[in-house]
């Protein structure tokens, strides 16, 4: 199986220039999965530490708090944790970092942090750092409501 990654030009997806890789090399040559509890992983987690809010759902923004590998999701205006997850894998990528969480039953979710724009965590909901499957603009996170 190959993975084709679109290159974005403005708001239009351009498939003329794509990057193709095989499953066997996908997580070896292209990705740098950071060792658990390493200095590199701790540095990557510092980029997302703190409180973030969903972009969509105005005026009702869900709150997400990152502390180390712990992810806590809150409903709008609530102080009670709605969901709690652990980041199980941090991957250094060509664009920045990918933070993956395990949802259970073989399903994953995650966020991309582009180092050129550290103000947004882009939701990519399938656990693959280079796939655009599961993209959600409204569930992507920003620092302010």
N, C-alpha and C. Protein backbone atom coordinates (compact mmCIF):
# COMPACT_ATOMS: atom_id res chain seq x y z
N UNK A 1 0.84 -1.18 0.00
CA UNK A 1 0.00 0.00 0.00
C UNK A 1 0.88 1.23 0.00
N UNK A 2 0.52 2.23 -0.77
CA UNK A 2 1.27 3.48 -0.78
C UNK A 2 0.42 4.58 -0.18
N UNK A 3 1.08 5.61 0.29
CA UNK A 3 0.42 6.76 0.88
C UNK A 3 0.77 7.97 0.05
N UNK A 4 -0.21 8.69 -0.40
CA UNK A 4 0.02 9.88 -1.20
C UNK A 4 -0.41 11.09 -0.40
N UNK A 5 0.48 12.03 -0.21
CA UNK A 5 0.23 13.20 0.62
C UNK A 5 0.05 14.42 -0.28
N UNK A 6 -1.11 15.08 -0.24
CA UNK A 6 -1.30 16.26 -1.09
C UNK A 6 -0.48 17.45 -0.61
N UNK A 7 -0.11 18.29 -1.54
CA UNK A 7 0.58 19.53 -1.23
C UNK A 7 -0.46 20.63 -1.35
N UNK A 8 -0.56 21.51 -0.39
CA UNK A 8 -1.59 22.53 -0.39
C UNK A 8 -1.06 23.86 -0.91
N UNK A 9 -1.81 24.46 -1.82
CA UNK A 9 -1.49 25.78 -2.36
C UNK A 9 -2.70 26.65 -2.08
N UNK A 10 -2.59 27.49 -1.07
CA UNK A 10 -3.75 28.28 -0.66
C UNK A 10 -4.80 27.35 -0.10
N UNK A 11 -6.03 27.48 -0.59
CA UNK A 11 -7.10 26.61 -0.10
C UNK A 11 -7.37 25.47 -1.07
N UNK A 12 -6.58 25.38 -2.13
CA UNK A 12 -6.80 24.34 -3.13
C UNK A 12 -5.77 23.22 -2.95
N UNK A 13 -6.23 22.01 -2.94
CA UNK A 13 -5.33 20.87 -2.80
C UNK A 13 -4.77 20.52 -4.17
N UNK A 14 -3.47 20.49 -4.26
CA UNK A 14 -2.81 20.19 -5.53
C UNK A 14 -2.17 18.82 -5.43
N UNK A 15 -2.63 17.89 -6.25
CA UNK A 15 -2.11 16.53 -6.21
C UNK A 15 -1.01 16.29 -7.23
N UNK A 16 -0.64 17.32 -7.97
CA UNK A 16 0.41 17.16 -8.97
C UNK A 16 1.73 16.80 -8.32
N UNK A 17 1.99 17.42 -7.18
CA UNK A 17 3.23 17.12 -6.45
C UNK A 17 2.84 16.32 -5.22
N UNK A 18 3.17 15.04 -5.22
CA UNK A 18 2.83 14.19 -4.08
C UNK A 18 4.06 13.45 -3.61
N UNK A 19 3.94 12.98 -2.40
CA UNK A 19 5.02 12.20 -1.81
C UNK A 19 4.47 10.80 -1.59
N UNK A 20 5.10 9.81 -2.16
CA UNK A 20 4.62 8.44 -2.04
C UNK A 20 5.64 7.62 -1.27
N UNK A 21 5.13 6.81 -0.35
CA UNK A 21 6.01 5.96 0.43
C UNK A 21 5.31 4.63 0.67
N UNK A 22 6.04 3.60 0.91
CA UNK A 22 5.45 2.29 1.17
C UNK A 22 5.31 2.12 2.68
N UNK A 23 4.45 1.18 3.07
CA UNK A 23 4.24 0.91 4.49
C UNK A 23 5.54 0.55 5.19
N UNK A 24 6.42 -0.16 4.50
CA UNK A 24 7.64 -0.62 5.15
C UNK A 24 8.58 0.53 5.51
N UNK A 25 8.52 1.63 4.78
CA UNK A 25 9.41 2.76 5.08
C UNK A 25 8.69 3.91 5.75
N UNK A 26 7.38 3.82 5.81
CA UNK A 26 6.58 4.94 6.29
C UNK A 26 6.99 5.43 7.68
N UNK A 27 7.22 4.54 8.60
CA UNK A 27 7.54 4.96 9.95
C UNK A 27 9.02 4.79 10.27
N UNK A 28 9.83 4.45 9.29
CA UNK A 28 11.25 4.27 9.54
C UNK A 28 12.07 5.43 9.00
N UNK A 29 12.06 5.65 7.70
CA UNK A 29 12.87 6.70 7.12
C UNK A 29 12.24 8.08 7.24
N UNK A 30 10.93 8.17 7.05
CA UNK A 30 10.27 9.47 6.98
C UNK A 30 9.93 10.03 8.36
N UNK A 31 9.52 9.17 9.28
CA UNK A 31 9.11 9.63 10.61
C UNK A 31 10.21 9.36 11.61
N UNK A 32 10.26 10.20 12.60
CA UNK A 32 11.16 9.97 13.71
C UNK A 32 10.34 9.82 14.97
N UNK A 33 9.85 8.62 15.24
CA UNK A 33 9.07 8.39 16.46
C UNK A 33 10.02 8.60 17.63
N UNK A 34 9.65 9.52 18.49
CA UNK A 34 10.52 9.88 19.61
C UNK A 34 10.44 8.83 20.71
N UNK A 35 11.57 8.51 21.30
CA UNK A 35 11.60 7.54 22.39
C UNK A 35 10.81 8.09 23.57
N UNK A 36 10.07 7.20 24.21
CA UNK A 36 9.25 7.60 25.35
C UNK A 36 10.13 8.17 26.47
N UNK A 37 9.69 9.27 27.03
CA UNK A 37 10.35 9.96 28.14
C UNK A 37 11.74 10.50 27.80
N UNK A 38 12.06 10.61 26.52
CA UNK A 38 13.34 11.17 26.12
C UNK A 38 13.29 12.70 26.20
N UNK A 39 14.44 13.33 26.16
CA UNK A 39 14.50 14.80 26.17
C UNK A 39 13.79 15.37 24.95
N UNK A 40 13.92 14.71 23.81
CA UNK A 40 13.26 15.17 22.59
C UNK A 40 11.74 15.10 22.72
N UNK A 41 11.23 14.03 23.33
CA UNK A 41 9.79 13.91 23.52
C UNK A 41 9.29 14.98 24.49
N UNK A 42 10.01 15.19 25.57
CA UNK A 42 9.61 16.22 26.54
C UNK A 42 9.59 17.60 25.91
N UNK A 43 10.57 17.89 25.03
CA UNK A 43 10.60 19.17 24.32
C UNK A 43 9.37 19.31 23.43
N UNK A 44 9.03 18.24 22.71
CA UNK A 44 7.86 18.25 21.82
C UNK A 44 6.57 18.47 22.62
N UNK A 45 6.47 17.86 23.79
CA UNK A 45 5.27 18.02 24.61
C UNK A 45 5.14 19.43 25.19
N UNK A 46 6.27 20.11 25.38
CA UNK A 46 6.22 21.49 25.88
C UNK A 46 5.55 22.43 24.88
N UNK A 47 5.67 22.13 23.58
CA UNK A 47 5.04 22.97 22.56
C UNK A 47 3.53 23.03 22.72
N UNK A 48 2.91 21.95 23.20
CA UNK A 48 1.44 21.90 23.28
C UNK A 48 0.91 22.04 24.70
N UNK A 49 1.80 22.16 25.68
CA UNK A 49 1.38 22.25 27.07
C UNK A 49 0.43 23.43 27.27
N UNK A 50 -0.62 23.19 28.04
CA UNK A 50 -1.55 24.26 28.39
C UNK A 50 -2.93 24.04 27.83
N UNK A 51 -3.69 25.13 27.77
CA UNK A 51 -5.10 25.10 27.40
C UNK A 51 -5.30 25.50 25.94
N UNK A 52 -6.11 24.72 25.23
CA UNK A 52 -6.46 24.95 23.84
C UNK A 52 -7.98 24.89 23.71
N UNK A 53 -8.52 25.47 22.65
CA UNK A 53 -9.96 25.47 22.41
C UNK A 53 -10.25 25.07 20.97
N UNK A 54 -11.41 24.39 20.78
CA UNK A 54 -11.81 24.05 19.41
C UNK A 54 -12.13 25.31 18.65
N UNK A 55 -11.82 25.30 17.34
CA UNK A 55 -12.10 26.45 16.48
C UNK A 55 -13.58 26.54 16.15
N UNK A 56 -14.22 25.41 15.98
CA UNK A 56 -15.62 25.38 15.57
C UNK A 56 -16.56 25.47 16.74
N UNK A 57 -17.85 25.51 16.42
CA UNK A 57 -18.86 25.51 17.46
C UNK A 57 -19.07 26.85 18.13
N UNK A 58 -18.75 27.94 17.45
CA UNK A 58 -18.91 29.28 18.02
C UNK A 58 -20.35 29.43 18.47
N UNK A 59 -20.68 29.92 19.61
CA UNK A 59 -19.77 30.41 20.66
C UNK A 59 -19.41 29.36 21.70
N UNK A 60 -19.70 28.09 21.40
CA UNK A 60 -19.48 27.04 22.38
C UNK A 60 -18.21 26.25 22.06
N UNK A 61 -17.10 26.69 22.58
CA UNK A 61 -15.82 26.06 22.31
C UNK A 61 -15.51 24.99 23.36
N UNK A 62 -15.15 23.79 22.91
CA UNK A 62 -14.68 22.76 23.83
C UNK A 62 -13.26 23.10 24.25
N UNK A 63 -12.93 22.80 25.47
CA UNK A 63 -11.60 23.08 26.00
C UNK A 63 -10.80 21.79 26.08
N UNK A 64 -9.53 21.85 25.71
CA UNK A 64 -8.61 20.72 25.81
C UNK A 64 -7.38 21.19 26.56
N UNK A 65 -6.98 20.43 27.58
CA UNK A 65 -5.80 20.78 28.38
C UNK A 65 -4.76 19.68 28.24
N UNK A 66 -3.55 20.08 27.83
CA UNK A 66 -2.42 19.16 27.70
C UNK A 66 -1.47 19.39 28.86
N UNK A 67 -1.11 18.32 29.55
CA UNK A 67 -0.14 18.38 30.63
C UNK A 67 0.71 17.12 30.54
N UNK A 68 1.95 17.27 30.08
CA UNK A 68 2.77 16.10 29.81
C UNK A 68 2.09 15.27 28.73
N UNK A 69 1.87 13.99 29.01
CA UNK A 69 1.20 13.13 28.04
C UNK A 69 -0.31 13.04 28.29
N UNK A 70 -0.80 13.70 29.31
CA UNK A 70 -2.22 13.65 29.66
C UNK A 70 -3.00 14.69 28.87
N UNK A 71 -4.13 14.25 28.30
CA UNK A 71 -5.02 15.12 27.54
C UNK A 71 -6.39 15.07 28.21
N UNK A 72 -6.90 16.22 28.62
CA UNK A 72 -8.23 16.30 29.24
C UNK A 72 -9.12 17.16 28.37
N UNK A 73 -10.30 16.63 28.03
CA UNK A 73 -11.27 17.35 27.22
C UNK A 73 -12.46 17.74 28.08
N UNK A 74 -12.90 18.99 27.92
CA UNK A 74 -14.01 19.54 28.69
C UNK A 74 -15.10 20.03 27.75
N UNK A 75 -16.36 19.88 28.16
CA UNK A 75 -17.47 20.46 27.41
C UNK A 75 -17.45 21.97 27.62
N UNK A 76 -18.10 22.73 26.74
CA UNK A 76 -18.12 24.19 26.89
C UNK A 76 -18.62 24.63 28.26
N UNK A 77 -17.84 25.46 28.94
CA UNK A 77 -18.23 26.02 30.22
C UNK A 77 -18.15 25.07 31.40
N UNK A 78 -17.74 23.83 31.20
CA UNK A 78 -17.71 22.83 32.26
C UNK A 78 -16.33 22.78 32.93
N UNK A 79 -16.35 22.46 34.22
CA UNK A 79 -15.10 22.24 34.95
C UNK A 79 -14.85 20.74 35.15
N UNK A 80 -15.81 19.94 34.72
CA UNK A 80 -15.71 18.49 34.85
C UNK A 80 -15.08 17.90 33.58
N UNK A 81 -14.09 17.03 33.77
CA UNK A 81 -13.42 16.38 32.63
C UNK A 81 -14.42 15.45 31.94
N UNK A 82 -14.59 15.66 30.64
CA UNK A 82 -15.50 14.84 29.84
C UNK A 82 -14.80 13.57 29.35
N UNK A 83 -13.55 13.74 28.83
CA UNK A 83 -12.73 12.62 28.37
C UNK A 83 -11.29 12.85 28.81
N UNK A 84 -10.60 11.75 29.08
CA UNK A 84 -9.19 11.81 29.46
C UNK A 84 -8.44 10.78 28.61
N UNK A 85 -7.36 11.23 27.99
CA UNK A 85 -6.54 10.36 27.14
C UNK A 85 -5.07 10.53 27.48
N UNK A 86 -4.27 9.61 26.99
CA UNK A 86 -2.80 9.69 27.09
C UNK A 86 -2.23 9.75 25.69
N UNK A 87 -1.27 10.62 25.49
CA UNK A 87 -0.55 10.63 24.22
C UNK A 87 0.35 9.41 24.23
N UNK A 88 0.14 8.52 23.27
CA UNK A 88 0.92 7.27 23.27
C UNK A 88 2.12 7.32 22.33
N UNK A 89 2.14 8.29 21.42
CA UNK A 89 3.27 8.38 20.50
C UNK A 89 3.43 9.82 20.02
N UNK A 90 4.65 10.31 20.07
CA UNK A 90 4.99 11.63 19.52
C UNK A 90 5.96 11.38 18.37
N UNK A 91 5.62 11.93 17.21
CA UNK A 91 6.44 11.71 16.01
C UNK A 91 6.97 13.04 15.50
N UNK A 92 8.28 13.10 15.30
CA UNK A 92 8.91 14.26 14.66
C UNK A 92 8.75 14.06 13.16
N UNK A 93 8.19 15.06 12.49
CA UNK A 93 7.90 14.95 11.06
C UNK A 93 8.57 16.09 10.30
N UNK A 94 8.41 16.06 8.99
CA UNK A 94 8.96 17.13 8.16
C UNK A 94 8.26 18.46 8.41
N UNK A 95 7.01 18.44 8.87
CA UNK A 95 6.27 19.69 9.13
C UNK A 95 6.37 20.13 10.59
N UNK A 96 6.74 19.25 11.48
CA UNK A 96 6.80 19.59 12.90
C UNK A 96 6.65 18.34 13.76
N UNK A 97 5.49 18.21 14.42
CA UNK A 97 5.24 17.06 15.29
C UNK A 97 3.82 16.54 15.09
N UNK A 98 3.67 15.25 15.36
CA UNK A 98 2.35 14.63 15.38
C UNK A 98 2.18 13.96 16.74
N UNK A 99 1.06 14.25 17.41
CA UNK A 99 0.76 13.71 18.73
C UNK A 99 -0.42 12.76 18.59
N UNK A 100 -0.21 11.47 18.91
CA UNK A 100 -1.24 10.46 18.71
C UNK A 100 -1.82 10.01 20.04
N UNK A 101 -3.14 9.84 20.07
CA UNK A 101 -3.80 9.25 21.24
C UNK A 101 -4.56 8.00 20.79
N UNK A 102 -4.63 7.03 21.68
CA UNK A 102 -5.35 5.80 21.42
C UNK A 102 -6.76 5.95 21.97
N UNK A 103 -7.77 5.72 21.11
CA UNK A 103 -9.16 5.85 21.52
C UNK A 103 -9.77 4.54 21.98
N UNK A 104 -9.10 3.43 21.66
CA UNK A 104 -9.63 2.11 21.99
C UNK A 104 -10.12 1.39 20.74
N UNK A 105 -10.21 0.06 20.82
CA UNK A 105 -10.70 -0.79 19.74
C UNK A 105 -9.97 -0.55 18.42
N UNK A 106 -8.65 -0.29 18.50
CA UNK A 106 -7.84 -0.11 17.30
C UNK A 106 -7.96 1.24 16.64
N UNK A 107 -8.61 2.19 17.29
CA UNK A 107 -8.82 3.52 16.70
C UNK A 107 -7.90 4.55 17.35
N UNK A 108 -7.43 5.50 16.53
CA UNK A 108 -6.53 6.55 17.00
C UNK A 108 -7.04 7.92 16.56
N UNK A 109 -6.58 8.93 17.25
CA UNK A 109 -6.82 10.32 16.88
C UNK A 109 -5.49 11.03 17.09
N UNK A 110 -5.39 12.23 16.64
CA UNK A 110 -4.14 12.94 16.85
C UNK A 110 -4.18 14.36 16.32
N UNK A 111 -3.10 15.07 16.58
CA UNK A 111 -2.98 16.46 16.17
C UNK A 111 -1.63 16.69 15.51
N UNK A 112 -1.63 17.54 14.50
CA UNK A 112 -0.39 18.00 13.88
C UNK A 112 -0.06 19.38 14.43
N UNK A 113 1.20 19.57 14.77
CA UNK A 113 1.69 20.89 15.13
C UNK A 113 2.71 21.28 14.06
N UNK A 114 2.35 22.28 13.27
CA UNK A 114 3.27 22.79 12.25
C UNK A 114 4.19 23.80 12.93
N UNK A 115 5.49 23.60 12.81
CA UNK A 115 6.44 24.50 13.47
C UNK A 115 6.40 25.90 12.88
N UNK A 116 5.87 26.04 11.67
CA UNK A 116 5.73 27.38 11.07
C UNK A 116 4.50 28.11 11.61
N UNK A 117 3.62 27.38 12.29
CA UNK A 117 2.41 27.98 12.89
C UNK A 117 2.09 27.22 14.17
N UNK A 118 2.72 27.62 15.26
CA UNK A 118 2.53 26.91 16.54
C UNK A 118 1.26 27.32 17.26
N UNK A 119 0.44 28.16 16.64
CA UNK A 119 -0.78 28.63 17.29
C UNK A 119 -1.98 27.72 17.03
N UNK A 120 -1.81 26.68 16.20
CA UNK A 120 -2.92 25.79 15.86
C UNK A 120 -2.46 24.33 15.92
N UNK A 121 -3.29 23.50 16.52
CA UNK A 121 -3.11 22.04 16.49
C UNK A 121 -4.18 21.51 15.54
N UNK A 122 -3.76 20.96 14.42
CA UNK A 122 -4.68 20.49 13.39
C UNK A 122 -5.06 19.04 13.68
N UNK A 123 -6.36 18.78 13.80
CA UNK A 123 -6.85 17.44 14.09
C UNK A 123 -6.79 16.57 12.84
N UNK A 124 -6.08 15.44 12.97
CA UNK A 124 -6.00 14.42 11.92
C UNK A 124 -6.33 13.11 12.61
N UNK A 125 -7.53 12.61 12.38
CA UNK A 125 -8.07 11.54 13.20
C UNK A 125 -7.86 10.12 12.78
N UNK A 126 -6.67 9.72 12.37
CA UNK A 126 -6.50 8.30 12.11
C UNK A 126 -5.18 7.75 12.65
N UNK A 127 -4.41 8.57 13.33
CA UNK A 127 -3.18 8.10 13.96
C UNK A 127 -1.97 8.08 13.06
N UNK A 128 -2.12 8.41 11.78
CA UNK A 128 -1.01 8.40 10.84
C UNK A 128 -0.50 9.84 10.65
N UNK A 129 0.76 10.11 10.96
CA UNK A 129 1.27 11.48 10.90
C UNK A 129 1.26 12.11 9.52
N UNK A 130 1.21 11.30 8.45
CA UNK A 130 1.24 11.86 7.10
C UNK A 130 -0.06 11.72 6.33
N UNK A 131 -1.10 11.22 6.96
CA UNK A 131 -2.38 11.07 6.28
C UNK A 131 -3.27 12.27 6.57
N UNK A 132 -4.08 12.65 5.60
CA UNK A 132 -5.05 13.72 5.81
C UNK A 132 -6.43 13.14 6.13
N UNK A 133 -6.53 11.83 6.18
CA UNK A 133 -7.79 11.19 6.54
C UNK A 133 -8.13 11.55 7.98
N UNK A 134 -9.37 11.90 8.20
CA UNK A 134 -9.80 12.26 9.54
C UNK A 134 -9.56 13.72 9.88
N UNK A 135 -9.22 14.54 8.86
CA UNK A 135 -9.02 15.97 9.11
C UNK A 135 -10.31 16.61 9.60
N UNK A 136 -10.20 17.47 10.59
CA UNK A 136 -11.36 18.22 11.08
C UNK A 136 -10.93 19.64 11.41
N UNK A 137 -11.41 20.58 10.62
CA UNK A 137 -11.12 21.99 10.88
C UNK A 137 -11.82 22.49 12.13
N UNK A 138 -13.05 22.04 12.36
CA UNK A 138 -13.79 22.53 13.53
C UNK A 138 -13.26 21.94 14.83
N UNK A 139 -12.68 20.74 14.77
CA UNK A 139 -12.10 20.13 15.97
C UNK A 139 -10.62 20.49 16.18
N UNK A 140 -10.04 21.18 15.21
CA UNK A 140 -8.67 21.63 15.39
C UNK A 140 -8.64 22.64 16.52
N UNK A 141 -7.48 22.79 17.14
CA UNK A 141 -7.37 23.57 18.37
C UNK A 141 -6.55 24.84 18.20
N UNK A 142 -6.98 25.87 18.92
CA UNK A 142 -6.26 27.15 18.98
C UNK A 142 -6.12 27.57 20.44
N UNK A 143 -5.23 28.51 20.71
CA UNK A 143 -4.98 28.92 22.10
C UNK A 143 -6.07 29.80 22.70
N UNK A 144 -6.82 30.51 21.87
CA UNK A 144 -7.85 31.43 22.37
C UNK A 144 -9.19 31.11 21.76
N UNK A 145 -10.26 31.39 22.51
CA UNK A 145 -11.62 31.18 22.01
C UNK A 145 -11.91 32.11 20.86
